[in-house]
Amino acid sequence: MLTKLYWTKSAQQDLEKILDYLKVEWTETTAFDFLTKLENQLKILNQFPFIGKIIFKPKLIRAFVFSKQVTIIYRLIDNKIVILKLFDNRQSPKKLLISERIEAYGV
């Protein structure tokens, strides 16, 4: 089991956008429920870090479908899980650009 979970700036911005959208278009309760579900899924990811499918082999970047609408993009570095992005599955998959440089995610 990994003990550290890190969020890149890019992933934090994605989360903020999702929560803002849920609050405006739905309710505060919906946003809170989303956040609770995300926290529970991240606990599972922490216990089973290889659960995600490798989507970028050179850097072993993985994707974990969190919900019908959102996929968590992450990478294992040493004993850490680095959340790179929260991808909106309603977009074209072509919009998911994977960078070889970890700095591109605002680490």
PDB file of N, CA and C in Angstrom:
ATOM      1  N   MET A   1       0.842  -1.184   0.000  1.00  0.00           N
ATOM      2  CA  MET A   1       0.000   0.000   0.000  1.00  0.00           C
ATOM      3  C   MET A   1       0.886   1.245   0.000  1.00  0.00           C
ATOM      4  N   LEU A   2       0.528   2.206  -0.838  1.00  0.00           N
ATOM      5  CA  LEU A   2       1.262   3.461  -0.904  1.00  0.00           C
ATOM      6  C   LEU A   2       0.733   4.400   0.171  1.00  0.00           C
ATOM      7  N   THR A   3       1.602   5.244   0.672  1.00  0.00           N
ATOM      8  CA  THR A   3       1.172   6.107   1.766  1.00  0.00           C
ATOM      9  C   THR A   3       0.973   7.552   1.358  1.00  0.00           C
ATOM     10  N   LYS A   4       1.477   7.928   0.210  1.00  0.00           N
ATOM     11  CA  LYS A   4       1.401   9.326  -0.191  1.00  0.00           C
ATOM     12  C   LYS A   4       0.526   9.471  -1.428  1.00  0.00           C
ATOM     13  N   LEU A   5      -0.308  10.487  -1.405  1.00  0.00           N
ATOM     14  CA  LEU A   5      -1.150  10.819  -2.546  1.00  0.00           C
ATOM     15  C   LEU A   5      -0.950  12.307  -2.818  1.00  0.00           C
ATOM     16  N   TYR A   6      -0.526  12.628  -4.033  1.00  0.00           N
ATOM     17  CA  TYR A   6      -0.263  14.020  -4.398  1.00  0.00           C
ATOM     18  C   TYR A   6      -1.171  14.435  -5.545  1.00  0.00           C
ATOM     19  N   TRP A   7      -1.597  15.685  -5.520  1.00  0.00           N
ATOM     20  CA  TRP A   7      -2.406  16.271  -6.583  1.00  0.00           C
ATOM     21  C   TRP A   7      -1.566  17.309  -7.307  1.00  0.00           C
ATOM     22  N   THR A   8      -1.534  17.235  -8.626  1.00  0.00           N
ATOM     23  CA  THR A   8      -0.874  18.281  -9.391  1.00  0.00           C
ATOM     24  C   THR A   8      -1.798  19.500  -9.432  1.00  0.00           C
ATOM     25  N   LYS A   9      -1.242  20.641  -9.809  1.00  0.00           N
ATOM     26  CA  LYS A   9      -2.063  21.853  -9.939  1.00  0.00           C
ATOM     27  C   LYS A   9      -3.155  21.638 -10.975  1.00  0.00           C
ATOM     28  N   SER A  10      -2.820  20.958 -12.037  1.00  0.00           N
ATOM     29  CA  SER A  10      -3.792  20.676 -13.097  1.00  0.00           C
ATOM     30  C   SER A  10      -4.968  19.863 -12.556  1.00  0.00           C
ATOM     31  N   ALA A  11      -4.684  18.835 -11.782  1.00  0.00           N
ATOM     32  CA  ALA A  11      -5.737  17.997 -11.205  1.00  0.00           C
ATOM     33  C   ALA A  11      -6.576  18.781 -10.193  1.00  0.00           C
ATOM     34  N   GLN A  12      -5.924  19.631  -9.407  1.00  0.00           N
ATOM     35  CA  GLN A  12      -6.660  20.466  -8.442  1.00  0.00           C
ATOM     36  C   GLN A  12      -7.616  21.409  -9.170  1.00  0.00           C
ATOM     37  N   GLN A  13      -7.152  21.978 -10.270  1.00  0.00           N
ATOM     38  CA  GLN A  13      -8.017  22.868 -11.054  1.00  0.00           C
ATOM     39  C   GLN A  13      -9.184  22.103 -11.655  1.00  0.00           C
ATOM     40  N   ASP A  14      -8.922  20.889 -12.127  1.00  0.00           N
ATOM     41  CA  ASP A  14      -9.997  20.055 -12.667  1.00  0.00           C
ATOM     42  C   ASP A  14     -11.055  19.791 -11.601  1.00  0.00           C
ATOM     43  N   LEU A  15     -10.609  19.462 -10.395  1.00  0.00           N
ATOM     44  CA  LEU A  15     -11.538  19.185  -9.297  1.00  0.00           C
ATOM     45  C   LEU A  15     -12.359  20.421  -8.959  1.00  0.00           C
ATOM     46  N   GLU A  16     -11.716  21.571  -8.889  1.00  0.00           N
ATOM     47  CA  GLU A  16     -12.436  22.809  -8.593  1.00  0.00           C
ATOM     48  C   GLU A  16     -13.505  23.100  -9.647  1.00  0.00           C
ATOM     49  N   LYS A  17     -13.169  22.891 -10.917  1.00  0.00           N
ATOM     50  CA  LYS A  17     -14.132  23.115 -12.000  1.00  0.00           C
ATOM     51  C   LYS A  17     -15.335  22.176 -11.869  1.00  0.00           C
ATOM     52  N   ILE A  18     -15.055  20.923 -11.570  1.00  0.00           N
ATOM     53  CA  ILE A  18     -16.135  19.939 -11.418  1.00  0.00           C
ATOM     54  C   ILE A  18     -17.046  20.332 -10.255  1.00  0.00           C
ATOM     55  N   LEU A  19     -16.447  20.672  -9.118  1.00  0.00           N
ATOM     56  CA  LEU A  19     -17.246  21.039  -7.941  1.00  0.00           C
ATOM     57  C   LEU A  19     -18.049  22.308  -8.196  1.00  0.00           C
ATOM     58  N   ASP A  20     -17.440  23.295  -8.854  1.00  0.00           N
ATOM     59  CA  ASP A  20     -18.170  24.522  -9.183  1.00  0.00           C
ATOM     60  C   ASP A  20     -19.353  24.219 -10.096  1.00  0.00           C
ATOM     61  N   TYR A  21     -19.125  23.397 -11.096  1.00  0.00           N
ATOM     62  CA  TYR A  21     -20.195  23.017 -12.016  1.00  0.00           C
ATOM     63  C   TYR A  21     -21.344  22.337 -11.266  1.00  0.00           C
ATOM     64  N   LEU A  22     -21.001  21.377 -10.409  1.00  0.00           N
ATOM     65  CA  LEU A  22     -22.032  20.649  -9.664  1.00  0.00           C
ATOM     66  C   LEU A  22     -22.828  21.580  -8.759  1.00  0.00           C
ATOM     67  N   LYS A  23     -22.160  22.532  -8.133  1.00  0.00           N
ATOM     68  CA  LYS A  23     -22.850  23.478  -7.244  1.00  0.00           C
ATOM     69  C   LYS A  23     -23.807  24.372  -8.023  1.00  0.00           C
ATOM     70  N   VAL A  24     -23.377  24.810  -9.208  1.00  0.00           N
ATOM     71  CA  VAL A  24     -24.202  25.728 -10.005  1.00  0.00           C
ATOM     72  C   VAL A  24     -25.346  24.993 -10.700  1.00  0.00           C
ATOM     73  N   GLU A  25     -25.013  23.883 -11.349  1.00  0.00           N
ATOM     74  CA  GLU A  25     -26.011  23.171 -12.152  1.00  0.00           C
ATOM     75  C   GLU A  25     -26.865  22.198 -11.353  1.00  0.00           C
ATOM     76  N   TRP A  26     -26.382  21.758 -10.223  1.00  0.00           N
ATOM     77  CA  TRP A  26     -27.115  20.809  -9.398  1.00  0.00           C
ATOM     78  C   TRP A  26     -27.300  21.421  -8.006  1.00  0.00           C
ATOM     79  N   THR A  27     -26.634  20.869  -7.008  1.00  0.00           N
ATOM     80  CA  THR A  27     -26.765  21.409  -5.652  1.00  0.00           C
ATOM     81  C   THR A  27     -25.453  21.248  -4.893  1.00  0.00           C
ATOM     82  N   GLU A  28     -25.355  21.940  -3.766  1.00  0.00           N
ATOM     83  CA  GLU A  28     -24.194  21.781  -2.878  1.00  0.00           C
ATOM     84  C   GLU A  28     -24.098  20.323  -2.415  1.00  0.00           C
ATOM     85  N   THR A  29     -25.248  19.708  -2.184  1.00  0.00           N
ATOM     86  CA  THR A  29     -25.279  18.321  -1.733  1.00  0.00           C
ATOM     87  C   THR A  29     -24.677  17.398  -2.786  1.00  0.00           C
ATOM     88  N   THR A  30     -24.991  17.650  -4.046  1.00  0.00           N
ATOM     89  CA  THR A  30     -24.434  16.842  -5.129  1.00  0.00           C
ATOM     90  C   THR A  30     -22.920  16.983  -5.164  1.00  0.00           C
ATOM     91  N   ALA A  31     -22.419  18.191  -5.010  1.00  0.00           N
ATOM     92  CA  ALA A  31     -20.970  18.427  -4.992  1.00  0.00           C
ATOM     93  C   ALA A  31     -20.337  17.706  -3.812  1.00  0.00           C
ATOM     94  N   PHE A  32     -20.974  17.769  -2.650  1.00  0.00           N
ATOM     95  CA  PHE A  32     -20.461  17.097  -1.458  1.00  0.00           C
ATOM     96  C   PHE A  32     -20.449  15.580  -1.669  1.00  0.00           C
ATOM     97  N   ASP A  33     -21.516  15.044  -2.263  1.00  0.00           N
ATOM     98  CA  ASP A  33     -21.588  13.606  -2.530  1.00  0.00           C
ATOM     99  C   ASP A  33     -20.492  13.171  -3.500  1.00  0.00           C
ATOM    100  N   PHE A  34     -20.236  13.991  -4.518  1.00  0.00           N
ATOM    101  CA  PHE A  34     -19.163  13.709  -5.470  1.00  0.00           C
ATOM    102  C   PHE A  34     -17.825  13.642  -4.747  1.00  0.00           C
ATOM    103  N   LEU A  35     -17.565  14.619  -3.895  1.00  0.00           N
ATOM    104  CA  LEU A  35     -16.305  14.677  -3.166  1.00  0.00           C
ATOM    105  C   LEU A  35     -16.146  13.476  -2.230  1.00  0.00           C
ATOM    106  N   THR A  36     -17.215  13.089  -1.578  1.00  0.00           N
ATOM    107  CA  THR A  36     -17.191  11.918  -0.691  1.00  0.00           C
ATOM    108  C   THR A  36     -16.888  10.650  -1.477  1.00  0.00           C
ATOM    109  N   LYS A  37     -17.552  10.501  -2.624  1.00  0.00           N
ATOM    110  CA  LYS A  37     -17.309   9.325  -3.461  1.00  0.00           C
ATOM    111  C   LYS A  37     -15.866   9.317  -3.962  1.00  0.00           C
ATOM    112  N   LEU A  38     -15.360  10.485  -4.344  1.00  0.00           N
ATOM    113  CA  LEU A  38     -13.971  10.591  -4.809  1.00  0.00           C
ATOM    114  C   LEU A  38     -12.997  10.176  -3.711  1.00  0.00           C
ATOM    115  N   GLU A  39     -13.220  10.649  -2.501  1.00  0.00           N
ATOM    116  CA  GLU A  39     -12.348  10.278  -1.380  1.00  0.00           C
ATOM    117  C   GLU A  39     -12.359   8.772  -1.158  1.00  0.00           C
ATOM    118  N   ASN A  40     -13.527   8.149  -1.243  1.00  0.00           N
ATOM    119  CA  ASN A  40     -13.623   6.695  -1.070  1.00  0.00           C
ATOM    120  C   ASN A  40     -12.899   5.945  -2.179  1.00  0.00           C
ATOM    121  N   GLN A  41     -13.030   6.434  -3.414  1.00  0.00           N
ATOM    122  CA  GLN A  41     -12.349   5.788  -4.533  1.00  0.00           C
ATOM    123  C   GLN A  41     -10.835   5.941  -4.425  1.00  0.00           C
ATOM    124  N   LEU A  42     -10.381   7.091  -3.919  1.00  0.00           N
ATOM    125  CA  LEU A  42      -8.946   7.290  -3.749  1.00  0.00           C
ATOM    126  C   LEU A  42      -8.372   6.378  -2.669  1.00  0.00           C
ATOM    127  N   LYS A  43      -9.188   6.043  -1.679  1.00  0.00           N
ATOM    128  CA  LYS A  43      -8.746   5.068  -0.673  1.00  0.00           C
ATOM    129  C   LYS A  43      -8.554   3.699  -1.318  1.00  0.00           C
ATOM    130  N   ILE A  44      -9.459   3.338  -2.206  1.00  0.00           N
ATOM    131  CA  ILE A  44      -9.339   2.065  -2.929  1.00  0.00           C
ATOM    132  C   ILE A  44      -8.103   2.100  -3.822  1.00  0.00           C
ATOM    133  N   LEU A  45      -7.907   3.207  -4.521  1.00  0.00           N
ATOM    134  CA  LEU A  45      -6.736   3.361  -5.383  1.00  0.00           C
ATOM    135  C   LEU A  45      -5.450   3.260  -4.566  1.00  0.00           C
ATOM    136  N   ASN A  46      -5.455   3.800  -3.371  1.00  0.00           N
ATOM    137  CA  ASN A  46      -4.292   3.723  -2.495  1.00  0.00           C
ATOM    138  C   ASN A  46      -3.974   2.268  -2.123  1.00  0.00           C
ATOM    139  N   GLN A  47      -5.012   1.468  -1.927  1.00  0.00           N
ATOM    140  CA  GLN A  47      -4.804   0.060  -1.576  1.00  0.00           C
ATOM    141  C   GLN A  47      -4.426  -0.788  -2.780  1.00  0.00           C
ATOM    142  N   PHE A  48      -4.940  -0.404  -3.953  1.00  0.00           N
ATOM    143  CA  PHE A  48      -4.698  -1.164  -5.182  1.00  0.00           C
ATOM    144  C   PHE A  48      -4.206  -0.219  -6.284  1.00  0.00           C
ATOM    145  N   PRO A  49      -2.975   0.276  -6.162  1.00  0.00           N
ATOM    146  CA  PRO A  49      -2.496   1.316  -7.082  1.00  0.00           C
ATOM    147  C   PRO A  49      -2.363   0.865  -8.541  1.00  0.00           C
ATOM    148  N   PHE A  50      -2.349  -0.423  -8.790  1.00  0.00           N
ATOM    149  CA  PHE A  50      -2.200  -0.906 -10.164  1.00  0.00           C
ATOM    150  C   PHE A  50      -3.544  -1.198 -10.826  1.00  0.00           C
ATOM    151  N   ILE A  51      -4.618  -0.752 -10.201  1.00  0.00           N
ATOM    152  CA  ILE A  51      -5.960  -1.007 -10.718  1.00  0.00           C
ATOM    153  C   ILE A  51      -6.217  -0.291 -12.045  1.00  0.00           C
ATOM    154  N   GLY A  52      -5.550   0.834 -12.241  1.00  0.00           N
ATOM    155  CA  GLY A  52      -5.755   1.605 -13.462  1.00  0.00           C
ATOM    156  C   GLY A  52      -5.048   0.999 -14.663  1.00  0.00           C
ATOM    157  N   LYS A  53      -5.651   1.199 -15.818  1.00  0.00           N
ATOM    158  CA  LYS A  53      -5.087   0.717 -17.072  1.00  0.00           C
ATOM    159  C   LYS A  53      -3.991   1.673 -17.533  1.00  0.00           C
ATOM    160  N   ILE A  54      -2.878   1.142 -18.009  1.00  0.00           N
ATOM    161  CA  ILE A  54      -1.805   1.985 -18.530  1.00  0.00           C
ATOM    162  C   ILE A  54      -2.264   2.594 -19.852  1.00  0.00           C
ATOM    163  N   ILE A  55      -2.226   3.940 -19.910  1.00  0.00           N
ATOM    164  CA  ILE A  55      -2.653   4.629 -21.126  1.00  0.00           C
ATOM    165  C   ILE A  55      -1.492   5.324 -21.832  1.00  0.00           C
ATOM    166  N   PHE A  56      -0.347   5.421 -21.167  1.00  0.00           N
ATOM    167  CA  PHE A  56       0.846   6.008 -21.766  1.00  0.00           C
ATOM    168  C   PHE A  56       2.039   5.222 -21.261  1.00  0.00           C
ATOM    169  N   LYS A  57       2.442   4.246 -22.060  1.00  0.00           N
ATOM    170  CA  LYS A  57       3.457   3.287 -21.642  1.00  0.00           C
ATOM    171  C   LYS A  57       4.808   3.890 -21.285  1.00  0.00           C
ATOM    172  N   PRO A  58       5.340   4.873 -22.060  1.00  0.00           N
ATOM    173  CA  PRO A  58       6.679   5.377 -21.725  1.00  0.00           C
ATOM    174  C   PRO A  58       6.818   5.881 -20.284  1.00  0.00           C
ATOM    175  N   LYS A  59       5.771   6.450 -19.727  1.00  0.00           N
ATOM    176  CA  LYS A  59       5.837   6.976 -18.349  1.00  0.00           C
ATOM    177  C   LYS A  59       4.934   6.209 -17.387  1.00  0.00           C
ATOM    178  N   LEU A  60       4.366   5.116 -17.855  1.00  0.00           N
ATOM    179  CA  LEU A  60       3.464   4.290 -17.046  1.00  0.00           C
ATOM    180  C   LEU A  60       2.333   5.116 -16.416  1.00  0.00           C
ATOM    181  N   ILE A  61       1.752   5.983 -17.216  1.00  0.00           N
ATOM    182  CA  ILE A  61       0.613   6.776 -16.752  1.00  0.00           C
ATOM    183  C   ILE A  61      -0.635   5.918 -16.872  1.00  0.00           C
ATOM    184  N   ARG A  62      -1.417   5.920 -15.809  1.00  0.00           N
ATOM    185  CA  ARG A  62      -2.589   5.050 -15.716  1.00  0.00           C
ATOM    186  C   ARG A  62      -3.883   5.848 -15.666  1.00  0.00           C
ATOM    187  N   ALA A  63      -4.974   5.179 -16.019  1.00  0.00           N
ATOM    188  CA  ALA A  63      -6.302   5.785 -15.958  1.00  0.00           C
ATOM    189  C   ALA A  63      -7.221   4.864 -15.169  1.00  0.00           C
ATOM    190  N   PHE A  64      -8.017   5.467 -14.303  1.00  0.00           N
ATOM    191  CA  PHE A  64      -8.945   4.757 -13.436  1.00  0.00           C
ATOM    192  C   PHE A  64     -10.306   5.434 -13.598  1.00  0.00           C
ATOM    193  N   VAL A  65     -11.283   4.717 -14.139  1.00  0.00           N
ATOM    194  CA  VAL A  65     -12.601   5.307 -14.337  1.00  0.00           C
ATOM    195  C   VAL A  65     -13.272   5.432 -12.976  1.00  0.00           C
ATOM    196  N   PHE A  66     -13.475   6.680 -12.588  1.00  0.00           N
ATOM    197  CA  PHE A  66     -14.048   6.980 -11.282  1.00  0.00           C
ATOM    198  C   PHE A  66     -15.573   6.977 -11.346  1.00  0.00           C
ATOM    199  N   SER A  67     -16.107   7.559 -12.389  1.00  0.00           N
ATOM    200  CA  SER A  67     -17.565   7.573 -12.581  1.00  0.00           C
ATOM    201  C   SER A  67     -17.824   7.600 -14.078  1.00  0.00           C
ATOM    202  N   LYS A  68     -19.080   7.548 -14.441  1.00  0.00           N
ATOM    203  CA  LYS A  68     -19.431   7.594 -15.851  1.00  0.00           C
ATOM    204  C   LYS A  68     -18.891   8.864 -16.506  1.00  0.00           C
ATOM    205  N   GLN A  69     -18.773   9.928 -15.730  1.00  0.00           N
ATOM    206  CA  GLN A  69     -18.354  11.216 -16.273  1.00  0.00           C
ATOM    207  C   GLN A  69     -16.867  11.526 -16.099  1.00  0.00           C
ATOM    208  N   VAL A  70     -16.190  10.894 -15.149  1.00  0.00           N
ATOM    209  CA  VAL A  70     -14.831  11.315 -14.792  1.00  0.00           C
ATOM    210  C   VAL A  70     -13.873  10.122 -14.706  1.00  0.00           C
ATOM    211  N   THR A  71     -12.686  10.322 -15.294  1.00  0.00           N
ATOM    212  CA  THR A  71     -11.595   9.356 -15.191  1.00  0.00           C
ATOM    213  C   THR A  71     -10.427  10.025 -14.471  1.00  0.00           C
ATOM    214  N   ILE A  72      -9.835   9.309 -13.542  1.00  0.00           N
ATOM    215  CA  ILE A  72      -8.665   9.803 -12.816  1.00  0.00           C
ATOM    216  C   ILE A  72      -7.426   9.348 -13.585  1.00  0.00           C
ATOM    217  N   ILE A  73      -6.586  10.311 -13.952  1.00  0.00           N
ATOM    218  CA  ILE A  73      -5.330  10.027 -14.631  1.00  0.00           C
ATOM    219  C   ILE A  73      -4.225  10.172 -13.589  1.00  0.00           C
ATOM    220  N   TYR A  74      -3.408   9.143 -13.426  1.00  0.00           N
ATOM    221  CA  TYR A  74      -2.397   9.182 -12.367  1.00  0.00           C
ATOM    222  C   TYR A  74      -1.142   8.438 -12.767  1.00  0.00           C
ATOM    223  N   ARG A  75      -0.128   8.639 -11.964  1.00  0.00           N
ATOM    224  CA  ARG A  75       1.150   7.984 -12.191  1.00  0.00           C
ATOM    225  C   ARG A  75       1.730   7.572 -10.850  1.00  0.00           C
ATOM    226  N   LEU A  76       2.378   6.437 -10.818  1.00  0.00           N
ATOM    227  CA  LEU A  76       3.076   5.972  -9.617  1.00  0.00           C
ATOM    228  C   LEU A  76       4.527   6.407  -9.721  1.00  0.00           C
ATOM    229  N   ILE A  77       4.972   7.164  -8.730  1.00  0.00           N
ATOM    230  CA  ILE A  77       6.360   7.620  -8.685  1.00  0.00           C
ATOM    231  C   ILE A  77       6.899   7.279  -7.304  1.00  0.00           C
ATOM    232  N   ASP A  78       7.896   6.414  -7.282  1.00  0.00           N
ATOM    233  CA  ASP A  78       8.437   5.900  -6.020  1.00  0.00           C
ATOM    234  C   ASP A  78       7.282   5.301  -5.223  1.00  0.00           C
ATOM    235  N   ASN A  79       7.038   5.754  -4.017  1.00  0.00           N
ATOM    236  CA  ASN A  79       5.927   5.241  -3.217  1.00  0.00           C
ATOM    237  C   ASN A  79       4.788   6.241  -3.156  1.00  0.00           C
ATOM    238  N   LYS A  80       4.570   6.948  -4.252  1.00  0.00           N
ATOM    239  CA  LYS A  80       3.541   7.976  -4.284  1.00  0.00           C
ATOM    240  C   LYS A  80       2.594   7.743  -5.453  1.00  0.00           C
ATOM    241  N   ILE A  81       1.354   8.129  -5.237  1.00  0.00           N
ATOM    242  CA  ILE A  81       0.384   8.206  -6.328  1.00  0.00           C
ATOM    243  C   ILE A  81       0.248   9.687  -6.642  1.00  0.00           C
ATOM    244  N   VAL A  82       0.530  10.051  -7.886  1.00  0.00           N
ATOM    245  CA  VAL A  82       0.429  11.440  -8.300  1.00  0.00           C
ATOM    246  C   VAL A  82      -0.778  11.566  -9.224  1.00  0.00           C
ATOM    247  N   ILE A  83      -1.796  12.275  -8.752  1.00  0.00           N
ATOM    248  CA  ILE A  83      -2.997  12.511  -9.556  1.00  0.00           C
ATOM    249  C   ILE A  83      -2.639  13.606 -10.555  1.00  0.00           C
ATOM    250  N   LEU A  84      -2.649  13.261 -11.839  1.00  0.00           N
ATOM    251  CA  LEU A  84      -2.256  14.207 -12.877  1.00  0.00           C
ATOM    252  C   LEU A  84      -3.434  15.024 -13.394  1.00  0.00           C
ATOM    253  N   LYS A  85      -4.597  14.382 -13.506  1.00  0.00           N
ATOM    254  CA  LYS A  85      -5.734  15.032 -14.147  1.00  0.00           C
ATOM    255  C   LYS A  85      -7.017  14.300 -13.795  1.00  0.00           C
ATOM    256  N   LEU A  86      -8.111  15.043 -13.778  1.00  0.00           N
ATOM    257  CA  LEU A  86      -9.444  14.456 -13.743  1.00  0.00           C
ATOM    258  C   LEU A  86     -10.038  14.760 -15.109  1.00  0.00           C
ATOM    259  N   PHE A  87     -10.260  13.742 -15.899  1.00  0.00           N
ATOM    260  CA  PHE A  87     -10.700  13.922 -17.283  1.00  0.00           C
ATOM    261  C   PHE A  87     -12.203  13.723 -17.391  1.00  0.00           C
ATOM    262  N   ASP A  88     -12.859  14.677 -18.044  1.00  0.00           N
ATOM    263  CA  ASP A  88     -14.296  14.608 -18.284  1.00  0.00           C
ATOM    264  C   ASP A  88     -14.533  13.656 -19.458  1.00  0.00           C
ATOM    265  N   ASN A  89     -15.146  12.517 -19.188  1.00  0.00           N
ATOM    266  CA  ASN A  89     -15.341  11.483 -20.197  1.00  0.00           C
ATOM    267  C   ASN A  89     -16.307  11.880 -21.300  1.00  0.00           C
ATOM    268  N   ARG A  90     -17.025  12.973 -21.117  1.00  0.00           N
ATOM    269  CA  ARG A  90     -17.964  13.412 -22.151  1.00  0.00           C
ATOM    270  C   ARG A  90     -17.244  14.126 -23.289  1.00  0.00           C
ATOM    271  N   GLN A  91     -15.969  14.414 -23.115  1.00  0.00           N
ATOM    272  CA  GLN A  91     -15.163  15.042 -24.157  1.00  0.00           C
ATOM    273  C   GLN A  91     -14.642  13.982 -25.125  1.00  0.00           C
ATOM    274  N   SER A  92     -14.134  14.452 -26.238  1.00  0.00           N
ATOM    275  CA  SER A  92     -13.473  13.557 -27.179  1.00  0.00           C
ATOM    276  C   SER A  92     -12.190  13.036 -26.530  1.00  0.00           C
ATOM    277  N   PRO A  93     -11.923  11.747 -26.644  1.00  0.00           N
ATOM    278  CA  PRO A  93     -10.680  11.203 -26.082  1.00  0.00           C
ATOM    279  C   PRO A  93      -9.439  11.871 -26.669  1.00  0.00           C
ATOM    280  N   LYS A  94      -9.567  12.473 -27.835  1.00  0.00           N
ATOM    281  CA  LYS A  94      -8.434  13.155 -28.451  1.00  0.00           C
ATOM    282  C   LYS A  94      -7.990  14.358 -27.628  1.00  0.00           C
ATOM    283  N   LYS A  95      -8.881  14.862 -26.770  1.00  0.00           N
ATOM    284  CA  LYS A  95      -8.527  16.005 -25.931  1.00  0.00           C
ATOM    285  C   LYS A  95      -7.646  15.611 -24.745  1.00  0.00           C
ATOM    286  N   LEU A  96      -7.539  14.328 -24.489  1.00  0.00           N
ATOM    287  CA  LEU A  96      -6.690  13.857 -23.399  1.00  0.00           C
ATOM    288  C   LEU A  96      -5.269  13.747 -23.913  1.00  0.00           C
ATOM    289  N   LEU A  97      -4.550  14.834 -23.769  1.00  0.00           N
ATOM    290  CA  LEU A  97      -3.160  14.867 -24.212  1.00  0.00           C
ATOM    291  C   LEU A  97      -2.271  14.480 -23.049  1.00  0.00           C
ATOM    292  N   ILE A  98      -1.476  13.460 -23.240  1.00  0.00           N
ATOM    293  CA  ILE A  98      -0.582  12.991 -22.191  1.00  0.00           C
ATOM    294  C   ILE A  98       0.806  13.562 -22.454  1.00  0.00           C
ATOM    295  N   SER A  99       1.337  14.218 -21.459  1.00  0.00           N
ATOM    296  CA  SER A  99       2.666  14.799 -21.580  1.00  0.00           C
ATOM    297  C   SER A  99       3.700  13.867 -20.967  1.00  0.00           C
ATOM    298  N   GLU A 100       4.852  13.793 -21.595  1.00  0.00           N
ATOM    299  CA  GLU A 100       5.934  12.990 -21.047  1.00  0.00           C
ATOM    300  C   GLU A 100       6.589  13.686 -19.858  1.00  0.00           C
ATOM    301  N   ARG A 101       6.423  14.981 -19.791  1.00  0.00           N
ATOM    302  CA  ARG A 101       7.049  15.752 -18.717  1.00  0.00           C
ATOM    303  C   ARG A 101       6.056  15.945 -17.564  1.00  0.00           C
ATOM    304  N   ILE A 102       6.416  15.457 -16.408  1.00  0.00           N
ATOM    305  CA  ILE A 102       5.556  15.582 -15.229  1.00  0.00           C
ATOM    306  C   ILE A 102       5.318  17.042 -14.872  1.00  0.00           C
ATOM    307  N   GLU A 103       6.262  17.900 -15.216  1.00  0.00           N
ATOM    308  CA  GLU A 103       6.136  19.330 -14.915  1.00  0.00           C
ATOM    309  C   GLU A 103       4.960  19.948 -15.655  1.00  0.00           C
ATOM    310  N   ALA A 104       4.555  19.353 -16.756  1.00  0.00           N
ATOM    311  CA  ALA A 104       3.436  19.874 -17.541  1.00  0.00           C
ATOM    312  C   ALA A 104       2.139  19.879 -16.734  1.00  0.00           C
ATOM    313  N   TYR A 105       2.086  19.103 -15.661  1.00  0.00           N
ATOM    314  CA  TYR A 105       0.893  19.013 -14.837  1.00  0.00           C
ATOM    315  C   TYR A 105       0.941  19.942 -13.611  1.00  0.00           C
ATOM    316  N   GLY A 106       1.992  20.736 -13.552  1.00  0.00           N
ATOM    317  CA  GLY A 106       2.096  21.699 -12.445  1.00  0.00           C
ATOM    318  C   GLY A 106       2.511  21.079 -11.147  1.00  0.00           C
ATOM    319  N   VAL A 107       3.424  20.142 -11.208  1.00  0.00           N
ATOM    320  CA  VAL A 107       3.907  19.493  -9.979  1.00  0.00           C
ATOM    321  C   VAL A 107       4.739  20.454  -9.179  1.00  0.00           C
TER     322      VAL A 107
END
